[in-house]
Amino acid sequence: MIQRIQTVYLLIVTILTGAVLFLPTADFYSLQEGVFELNYKGLIGENGTLITSTWNITLLMAVVLLLSFISIFFYKKRILQIRIIIFNIVLMLGYYALLAYWIFKIKGSLTDAEVSLSLIASFPLINIILSYLAVRAIGKDEALVRSLDRLR
């Protein structure tokens, strides 16, 4: 299980998703209102007060984290593992849609606000690439097993 490259890919996806879940994603700078941070709790003001909750982004990333971790243990059911990973890729694309929605909504509610995305915002894109590589590696394993079954 651990010696397969797709397991390493999925483990990296799990670690990066955990980082996305708990580290701040974006900062909003406004001259009138101040500095705000978008993290897993929601939009946090300068004094630590919760302005708005972004529970849907947090829930989505928690599901991605759970699915990427669980898919590691489906190494005997490769087709199911591929399906779970593809569903995970779709959820990560949905994360970007939700992130864009919240950024435009928050930026519209603040006057003269500038948005600064952190490096953490690029982790789901890296996760998508690693998940795609894992799907390809699992597909190669499945093709190898099927070719060996034909020889028997």
N, C-alpha and C. Protein backbone atom coordinates (compact mmCIF):
# COMPACT_ATOMS: atom_id res chain seq x y z
N MET A 1 0.83 -1.19 0.00
CA MET A 1 0.00 0.00 0.00
C MET A 1 0.87 1.26 0.00
N ILE A 2 1.80 1.38 0.93
CA ILE A 2 2.62 2.58 1.05
C ILE A 2 3.65 2.65 -0.08
N GLN A 3 4.06 1.50 -0.61
CA GLN A 3 5.09 1.51 -1.63
C GLN A 3 4.58 2.00 -2.98
N ARG A 4 3.28 2.17 -3.13
CA ARG A 4 2.74 2.65 -4.40
C ARG A 4 2.81 4.17 -4.45
N ILE A 5 3.09 4.71 -5.62
CA ILE A 5 3.27 6.15 -5.78
C ILE A 5 1.95 6.89 -5.58
N GLN A 6 0.82 6.25 -5.95
CA GLN A 6 -0.47 6.93 -5.77
C GLN A 6 -0.80 7.13 -4.29
N THR A 7 -0.30 6.27 -3.44
CA THR A 7 -0.50 6.45 -2.00
C THR A 7 0.25 7.69 -1.52
N VAL A 8 1.43 7.89 -2.04
CA VAL A 8 2.20 9.09 -1.69
C VAL A 8 1.48 10.34 -2.18
N TYR A 9 0.97 10.29 -3.42
CA TYR A 9 0.20 11.42 -3.96
C TYR A 9 -1.00 11.74 -3.07
N LEU A 10 -1.74 10.71 -2.70
CA LEU A 10 -2.94 10.93 -1.89
C LEU A 10 -2.60 11.40 -0.48
N LEU A 11 -1.48 10.95 0.05
CA LEU A 11 -1.05 11.42 1.36
C LEU A 11 -0.66 12.90 1.31
N ILE A 12 0.00 13.31 0.24
CA ILE A 12 0.33 14.73 0.07
C ILE A 12 -0.93 15.56 -0.09
N VAL A 13 -1.91 15.04 -0.83
CA VAL A 13 -3.20 15.73 -0.98
C VAL A 13 -3.86 15.91 0.38
N THR A 14 -3.82 14.89 1.21
CA THR A 14 -4.41 14.97 2.54
C THR A 14 -3.72 16.03 3.39
N ILE A 15 -2.41 16.07 3.35
CA ILE A 15 -1.65 17.05 4.14
C ILE A 15 -1.93 18.47 3.66
N LEU A 16 -1.92 18.68 2.34
CA LEU A 16 -2.18 20.02 1.81
C LEU A 16 -3.60 20.47 2.08
N THR A 17 -4.55 19.54 2.03
CA THR A 17 -5.94 19.89 2.32
C THR A 17 -6.10 20.28 3.79
N GLY A 18 -5.38 19.60 4.67
CA GLY A 18 -5.39 20.00 6.07
C GLY A 18 -4.83 21.39 6.27
N ALA A 19 -3.81 21.74 5.49
CA ALA A 19 -3.25 23.09 5.57
C ALA A 19 -4.26 24.12 5.06
N VAL A 20 -4.97 23.80 3.98
CA VAL A 20 -5.98 24.71 3.45
C VAL A 20 -7.10 24.90 4.47
N LEU A 21 -7.42 23.84 5.17
CA LEU A 21 -8.53 23.89 6.12
C LEU A 21 -8.23 24.79 7.30
N PHE A 22 -6.99 24.82 7.77
CA PHE A 22 -6.71 25.52 9.02
C PHE A 22 -5.87 26.79 8.89
N LEU A 23 -5.35 27.09 7.73
CA LEU A 23 -4.55 28.31 7.56
C LEU A 23 -5.36 29.37 6.82
N PRO A 24 -5.06 30.64 7.02
CA PRO A 24 -5.83 31.71 6.35
C PRO A 24 -5.64 31.69 4.84
N THR A 25 -6.75 31.94 4.13
CA THR A 25 -6.75 31.85 2.68
C THR A 25 -6.54 33.20 2.02
N ALA A 26 -7.19 34.24 2.55
CA ALA A 26 -7.10 35.56 1.92
C ALA A 26 -7.15 36.65 2.98
N ASP A 27 -6.60 37.80 2.63
CA ASP A 27 -6.66 38.98 3.48
C ASP A 27 -7.34 40.09 2.68
N PHE A 28 -8.15 40.86 3.38
CA PHE A 28 -8.84 42.00 2.78
C PHE A 28 -8.34 43.27 3.47
N TYR A 29 -7.88 44.22 2.68
CA TYR A 29 -7.38 45.48 3.21
C TYR A 29 -8.31 46.59 2.76
N SER A 30 -8.87 47.31 3.73
CA SER A 30 -9.75 48.43 3.43
C SER A 30 -9.29 49.63 4.26
N LEU A 31 -9.23 50.78 3.64
CA LEU A 31 -8.79 51.98 4.36
C LEU A 31 -9.80 52.40 5.42
N GLN A 32 -11.10 52.24 5.13
CA GLN A 32 -12.13 52.67 6.08
C GLN A 32 -12.37 51.63 7.18
N GLU A 33 -12.50 50.34 6.81
CA GLU A 33 -12.88 49.32 7.79
C GLU A 33 -11.70 48.64 8.47
N GLY A 34 -10.56 48.54 7.80
CA GLY A 34 -9.39 47.90 8.40
C GLY A 34 -8.98 46.65 7.64
N VAL A 35 -8.36 45.74 8.37
CA VAL A 35 -7.83 44.51 7.79
C VAL A 35 -8.70 43.34 8.23
N PHE A 36 -9.04 42.46 7.29
CA PHE A 36 -9.85 41.28 7.58
C PHE A 36 -9.14 40.06 7.02
N GLU A 37 -9.39 38.92 7.67
CA GLU A 37 -8.76 37.67 7.26
C GLU A 37 -9.84 36.63 6.99
N LEU A 38 -9.70 35.91 5.88
CA LEU A 38 -10.62 34.83 5.54
C LEU A 38 -9.94 33.51 5.88
N ASN A 39 -10.48 32.80 6.85
CA ASN A 39 -9.93 31.50 7.22
C ASN A 39 -11.07 30.49 7.39
N TYR A 40 -10.81 29.36 8.04
CA TYR A 40 -11.82 28.31 8.14
C TYR A 40 -13.03 28.72 8.99
N LYS A 41 -12.88 29.67 9.87
CA LYS A 41 -13.99 30.14 10.68
C LYS A 41 -14.90 31.07 9.90
N GLY A 42 -14.30 31.87 9.03
CA GLY A 42 -15.04 32.85 8.26
C GLY A 42 -14.21 34.10 8.09
N LEU A 43 -14.90 35.23 7.98
CA LEU A 43 -14.21 36.51 7.85
C LEU A 43 -13.98 37.06 9.25
N ILE A 44 -12.72 37.25 9.60
CA ILE A 44 -12.34 37.69 10.94
C ILE A 44 -11.84 39.12 10.85
N GLY A 45 -12.32 39.97 11.75
CA GLY A 45 -11.89 41.36 11.81
C GLY A 45 -10.57 41.51 12.52
N GLU A 46 -10.12 42.77 12.63
CA GLU A 46 -8.83 43.05 13.26
C GLU A 46 -8.81 42.65 14.74
N ASN A 47 -9.91 42.84 15.43
CA ASN A 47 -9.94 42.53 16.86
C ASN A 47 -10.35 41.09 17.15
N GLY A 48 -10.41 40.24 16.11
CA GLY A 48 -10.71 38.83 16.30
C GLY A 48 -12.18 38.48 16.29
N THR A 49 -13.03 39.42 15.95
CA THR A 49 -14.47 39.14 15.92
C THR A 49 -14.83 38.49 14.58
N LEU A 50 -15.79 37.60 14.65
CA LEU A 50 -16.28 36.91 13.47
C LEU A 50 -17.29 37.81 12.77
N ILE A 51 -16.99 38.22 11.55
CA ILE A 51 -17.88 39.10 10.79
C ILE A 51 -18.94 38.27 10.08
N THR A 52 -18.51 37.29 9.31
CA THR A 52 -19.41 36.39 8.61
C THR A 52 -18.82 34.98 8.59
N SER A 53 -19.67 34.00 8.63
CA SER A 53 -19.23 32.62 8.66
C SER A 53 -19.20 32.06 7.24
N THR A 54 -18.14 31.37 6.91
CA THR A 54 -18.03 30.70 5.62
C THR A 54 -18.00 29.19 5.86
N TRP A 55 -19.04 28.70 6.48
CA TRP A 55 -19.10 27.29 6.87
C TRP A 55 -19.11 26.37 5.65
N ASN A 56 -19.64 26.85 4.51
CA ASN A 56 -19.71 25.97 3.35
C ASN A 56 -18.32 25.65 2.78
N ILE A 57 -17.40 26.61 2.82
CA ILE A 57 -16.04 26.34 2.38
C ILE A 57 -15.37 25.36 3.35
N THR A 58 -15.58 25.57 4.63
CA THR A 58 -14.98 24.69 5.64
C THR A 58 -15.52 23.27 5.52
N LEU A 59 -16.83 23.15 5.33
CA LEU A 59 -17.43 21.83 5.18
C LEU A 59 -16.92 21.13 3.92
N LEU A 60 -16.82 21.87 2.83
CA LEU A 60 -16.33 21.30 1.58
C LEU A 60 -14.90 20.79 1.72
N MET A 61 -14.04 21.57 2.35
CA MET A 61 -12.66 21.14 2.52
C MET A 61 -12.54 19.99 3.52
N ALA A 62 -13.42 19.93 4.50
CA ALA A 62 -13.42 18.80 5.44
C ALA A 62 -13.81 17.51 4.71
N VAL A 63 -14.76 17.61 3.80
CA VAL A 63 -15.16 16.43 3.01
C VAL A 63 -14.01 16.00 2.10
N VAL A 64 -13.34 16.96 1.47
CA VAL A 64 -12.19 16.66 0.61
C VAL A 64 -11.09 15.99 1.43
N LEU A 65 -10.84 16.50 2.62
CA LEU A 65 -9.82 15.91 3.50
C LEU A 65 -10.19 14.48 3.86
N LEU A 66 -11.43 14.26 4.22
CA LEU A 66 -11.89 12.93 4.60
C LEU A 66 -11.83 11.96 3.43
N LEU A 67 -12.30 12.39 2.26
CA LEU A 67 -12.29 11.51 1.09
C LEU A 67 -10.88 11.18 0.62
N SER A 68 -9.99 12.16 0.67
CA SER A 68 -8.62 11.88 0.23
C SER A 68 -7.92 10.93 1.20
N PHE A 69 -8.22 11.04 2.48
CA PHE A 69 -7.62 10.11 3.44
C PHE A 69 -8.22 8.72 3.32
N ILE A 70 -9.54 8.64 3.17
CA ILE A 70 -10.20 7.33 3.06
C ILE A 70 -9.80 6.62 1.77
N SER A 71 -9.61 7.37 0.69
CA SER A 71 -9.28 6.74 -0.59
C SER A 71 -7.93 6.02 -0.56
N ILE A 72 -7.07 6.38 0.37
CA ILE A 72 -5.79 5.68 0.50
C ILE A 72 -6.02 4.21 0.84
N PHE A 73 -7.04 3.92 1.62
CA PHE A 73 -7.26 2.57 2.12
C PHE A 73 -8.12 1.72 1.19
N PHE A 74 -8.51 2.24 0.04
CA PHE A 74 -9.26 1.46 -0.95
C PHE A 74 -8.32 0.92 -2.03
N TYR A 75 -7.09 0.57 -1.66
CA TYR A 75 -6.12 0.13 -2.65
C TYR A 75 -6.46 -1.21 -3.26
N LYS A 76 -7.33 -1.99 -2.62
CA LYS A 76 -7.74 -3.27 -3.21
C LYS A 76 -8.92 -3.10 -4.16
N LYS A 77 -9.64 -2.00 -4.04
CA LYS A 77 -10.78 -1.71 -4.92
C LYS A 77 -10.40 -0.48 -5.76
N ARG A 78 -9.62 -0.73 -6.79
CA ARG A 78 -9.03 0.35 -7.56
C ARG A 78 -10.06 1.19 -8.31
N ILE A 79 -11.09 0.58 -8.87
CA ILE A 79 -12.10 1.34 -9.61
C ILE A 79 -12.85 2.27 -8.67
N LEU A 80 -13.21 1.79 -7.49
CA LEU A 80 -13.86 2.64 -6.49
C LEU A 80 -12.93 3.76 -6.04
N GLN A 81 -11.65 3.45 -5.91
CA GLN A 81 -10.67 4.45 -5.52
C GLN A 81 -10.57 5.55 -6.59
N ILE A 82 -10.60 5.17 -7.85
CA ILE A 82 -10.56 6.16 -8.94
C ILE A 82 -11.81 7.04 -8.89
N ARG A 83 -12.96 6.44 -8.66
CA ARG A 83 -14.21 7.22 -8.60
C ARG A 83 -14.20 8.21 -7.44
N ILE A 84 -13.71 7.79 -6.30
CA ILE A 84 -13.63 8.68 -5.14
C ILE A 84 -12.69 9.84 -5.42
N ILE A 85 -11.57 9.56 -6.06
CA ILE A 85 -10.61 10.62 -6.35
C ILE A 85 -11.16 11.60 -7.38
N ILE A 86 -11.87 11.10 -8.39
CA ILE A 86 -12.47 12.00 -9.38
C ILE A 86 -13.54 12.87 -8.72
N PHE A 87 -14.33 12.30 -7.83
CA PHE A 87 -15.32 13.09 -7.09
C PHE A 87 -14.61 14.15 -6.23
N ASN A 88 -13.47 13.78 -5.68
CA ASN A 88 -12.67 14.71 -4.89
C ASN A 88 -12.15 15.87 -5.75
N ILE A 89 -11.76 15.57 -6.97
CA ILE A 89 -11.32 16.62 -7.89
C ILE A 89 -12.45 17.59 -8.17
N VAL A 90 -13.65 17.07 -8.38
CA VAL A 90 -14.82 17.92 -8.62
C VAL A 90 -15.09 18.80 -7.40
N LEU A 91 -14.95 18.24 -6.21
CA LEU A 91 -15.15 19.03 -4.99
C LEU A 91 -14.10 20.13 -4.86
N MET A 92 -12.86 19.85 -5.26
CA MET A 92 -11.83 20.88 -5.19
C MET A 92 -12.08 22.00 -6.19
N LEU A 93 -12.64 21.66 -7.35
CA LEU A 93 -13.04 22.70 -8.30
C LEU A 93 -14.19 23.52 -7.72
N GLY A 94 -15.08 22.85 -6.99
CA GLY A 94 -16.17 23.56 -6.31
C GLY A 94 -15.64 24.47 -5.22
N TYR A 95 -14.53 24.11 -4.61
CA TYR A 95 -13.90 24.98 -3.62
C TYR A 95 -13.52 26.31 -4.25
N TYR A 96 -12.94 26.26 -5.44
CA TYR A 96 -12.56 27.51 -6.11
C TYR A 96 -13.77 28.35 -6.47
N ALA A 97 -14.86 27.69 -6.85
CA ALA A 97 -16.09 28.44 -7.16
C ALA A 97 -16.62 29.12 -5.89
N LEU A 98 -16.64 28.40 -4.78
CA LEU A 98 -17.10 28.99 -3.52
C LEU A 98 -16.16 30.09 -3.03
N LEU A 99 -14.86 29.89 -3.19
CA LEU A 99 -13.90 30.90 -2.78
C LEU A 99 -14.09 32.18 -3.60
N ALA A 100 -14.28 32.03 -4.89
CA ALA A 100 -14.52 33.21 -5.74
C ALA A 100 -15.82 33.91 -5.33
N TYR A 101 -16.85 33.12 -5.03
CA TYR A 101 -18.12 33.71 -4.59
C TYR A 101 -17.93 34.54 -3.32
N TRP A 102 -17.25 33.96 -2.33
CA TRP A 102 -17.06 34.67 -1.07
C TRP A 102 -16.15 35.88 -1.22
N ILE A 103 -15.13 35.78 -2.06
CA ILE A 103 -14.25 36.93 -2.26
C ILE A 103 -15.01 38.08 -2.90
N PHE A 104 -15.80 37.80 -3.93
CA PHE A 104 -16.56 38.87 -4.57
C PHE A 104 -17.64 39.42 -3.65
N LYS A 105 -18.26 38.56 -2.85
CA LYS A 105 -19.29 39.03 -1.92
C LYS A 105 -18.67 39.92 -0.83
N ILE A 106 -17.56 39.50 -0.26
CA ILE A 106 -16.92 40.27 0.80
C ILE A 106 -16.33 41.56 0.24
N LYS A 107 -15.70 41.46 -0.92
CA LYS A 107 -15.11 42.66 -1.52
C LYS A 107 -16.20 43.67 -1.89
N GLY A 108 -17.38 43.20 -2.28
CA GLY A 108 -18.49 44.10 -2.59
C GLY A 108 -19.07 44.77 -1.36
N SER A 109 -19.01 44.09 -0.22
CA SER A 109 -19.56 44.67 1.00
C SER A 109 -18.60 45.65 1.68
N LEU A 110 -17.31 45.53 1.41
CA LEU A 110 -16.33 46.45 1.97
C LEU A 110 -16.09 47.59 0.98
N THR A 111 -15.89 48.78 1.50
CA THR A 111 -15.63 49.90 0.61
C THR A 111 -14.13 50.01 0.34
N ASP A 112 -13.81 50.11 -0.94
CA ASP A 112 -12.43 50.29 -1.38
C ASP A 112 -11.50 49.22 -0.80
N ALA A 113 -11.86 47.94 -0.99
CA ALA A 113 -11.10 46.84 -0.42
C ALA A 113 -10.16 46.22 -1.45
N GLU A 114 -8.99 45.84 -0.98
CA GLU A 114 -8.01 45.11 -1.78
C GLU A 114 -7.93 43.69 -1.24
N VAL A 115 -7.84 42.73 -2.15
CA VAL A 115 -7.77 41.32 -1.76
C VAL A 115 -6.36 40.81 -2.00
N SER A 116 -5.85 40.08 -1.02
CA SER A 116 -4.55 39.45 -1.14
C SER A 116 -4.71 37.96 -0.82
N LEU A 117 -4.59 37.13 -1.85
CA LEU A 117 -4.67 35.69 -1.65
C LEU A 117 -3.34 35.17 -1.13
N SER A 118 -3.41 34.24 -0.21
CA SER A 118 -2.18 33.65 0.31
C SER A 118 -1.76 32.47 -0.57
N LEU A 119 -0.60 31.94 -0.29
CA LEU A 119 -0.11 30.78 -1.01
C LEU A 119 -1.01 29.57 -0.80
N ILE A 120 -1.70 29.56 0.32
CA ILE A 120 -2.60 28.46 0.67
C ILE A 120 -3.70 28.30 -0.37
N ALA A 121 -4.10 29.38 -1.01
CA ALA A 121 -5.18 29.32 -2.00
C ALA A 121 -4.78 28.51 -3.23
N SER A 122 -3.50 28.31 -3.45
CA SER A 122 -3.06 27.51 -4.60
C SER A 122 -2.96 26.02 -4.28
N PHE A 123 -3.07 25.65 -3.03
CA PHE A 123 -2.95 24.23 -2.66
C PHE A 123 -4.02 23.34 -3.29
N PRO A 124 -5.29 23.76 -3.39
CA PRO A 124 -6.25 22.88 -4.07
C PRO A 124 -5.90 22.61 -5.53
N LEU A 125 -5.28 23.58 -6.21
CA LEU A 125 -4.84 23.34 -7.59
C LEU A 125 -3.73 22.28 -7.61
N ILE A 126 -2.82 22.37 -6.67
CA ILE A 126 -1.78 21.34 -6.55
C ILE A 126 -2.42 20.00 -6.22
N ASN A 127 -3.46 20.01 -5.37
CA ASN A 127 -4.17 18.79 -5.03
C ASN A 127 -4.85 18.17 -6.25
N ILE A 128 -5.40 19.02 -7.12
CA ILE A 128 -6.05 18.52 -8.33
C ILE A 128 -5.02 17.82 -9.22
N ILE A 129 -3.86 18.43 -9.36
CA ILE A 129 -2.81 17.83 -10.19
C ILE A 129 -2.32 16.51 -9.59
N LEU A 130 -2.11 16.49 -8.28
CA LEU A 130 -1.65 15.25 -7.63
C LEU A 130 -2.73 14.17 -7.68
N SER A 131 -3.99 14.55 -7.56
CA SER A 131 -5.08 13.58 -7.66
C SER A 131 -5.15 13.00 -9.06
N TYR A 132 -4.95 13.84 -10.07
CA TYR A 132 -4.93 13.35 -11.45
C TYR A 132 -3.79 12.36 -11.65
N LEU A 133 -2.62 12.67 -11.10
CA LEU A 133 -1.49 11.74 -11.20
C LEU A 133 -1.79 10.43 -10.48
N ALA A 134 -2.49 10.51 -9.35
CA ALA A 134 -2.87 9.29 -8.63
C ALA A 134 -3.85 8.45 -9.45
N VAL A 135 -4.81 9.11 -10.11
CA VAL A 135 -5.76 8.38 -10.94
C VAL A 135 -5.03 7.67 -12.08
N ARG A 136 -4.08 8.35 -12.69
CA ARG A 136 -3.31 7.72 -13.77
C ARG A 136 -2.52 6.52 -13.26
N ALA A 137 -1.91 6.64 -12.09
CA ALA A 137 -1.13 5.53 -11.53
C ALA A 137 -2.04 4.36 -11.15
N ILE A 138 -3.20 4.65 -10.60
CA ILE A 138 -4.14 3.59 -10.26
C ILE A 138 -4.65 2.91 -11.52
N GLY A 139 -4.89 3.70 -12.57
CA GLY A 139 -5.31 3.13 -13.85
C GLY A 139 -4.26 2.20 -14.43
N LYS A 140 -2.98 2.57 -14.29
CA LYS A 140 -1.91 1.70 -14.76
C LYS A 140 -1.87 0.40 -13.97
N ASP A 141 -2.08 0.48 -12.66
CA ASP A 141 -2.13 -0.73 -11.84
C ASP A 141 -3.29 -1.63 -12.27
N GLU A 142 -4.44 -1.02 -12.51
CA GLU A 142 -5.61 -1.79 -12.93
C GLU A 142 -5.37 -2.46 -14.28
N ALA A 143 -4.75 -1.73 -15.20
CA ALA A 143 -4.43 -2.32 -16.51
C ALA A 143 -3.45 -3.47 -16.36
N LEU A 144 -2.47 -3.34 -15.47
CA LEU A 144 -1.51 -4.41 -15.24
C LEU A 144 -2.18 -5.65 -14.67
N VAL A 145 -3.07 -5.45 -13.71
CA VAL A 145 -3.77 -6.59 -13.10
C VAL A 145 -4.65 -7.28 -14.13
N ARG A 146 -5.35 -6.51 -14.95
CA ARG A 146 -6.22 -7.10 -15.98
C ARG A 146 -5.40 -7.84 -17.03
N SER A 147 -4.22 -7.32 -17.37
CA SER A 147 -3.39 -8.02 -18.37
C SER A 147 -2.86 -9.33 -17.79
N LEU A 148 -2.57 -9.36 -16.51
CA LEU A 148 -2.10 -10.59 -15.89
C LEU A 148 -3.23 -11.60 -15.77
N ASP A 149 -4.48 -11.12 -15.59
CA ASP A 149 -5.62 -12.04 -15.54
C ASP A 149 -5.86 -12.70 -16.89
N ARG A 150 -5.55 -12.00 -17.98
CA ARG A 150 -5.74 -12.58 -19.31
C ARG A 150 -4.76 -13.70 -19.59
N LEU A 151 -3.60 -13.66 -18.96
CA LEU A 151 -2.59 -14.68 -19.22
C LEU A 151 -2.89 -16.01 -18.52
N ARG A 152 -3.72 -15.97 -17.51
CA ARG A 152 -3.99 -17.20 -16.75
C ARG A 152 -4.86 -18.16 -17.49
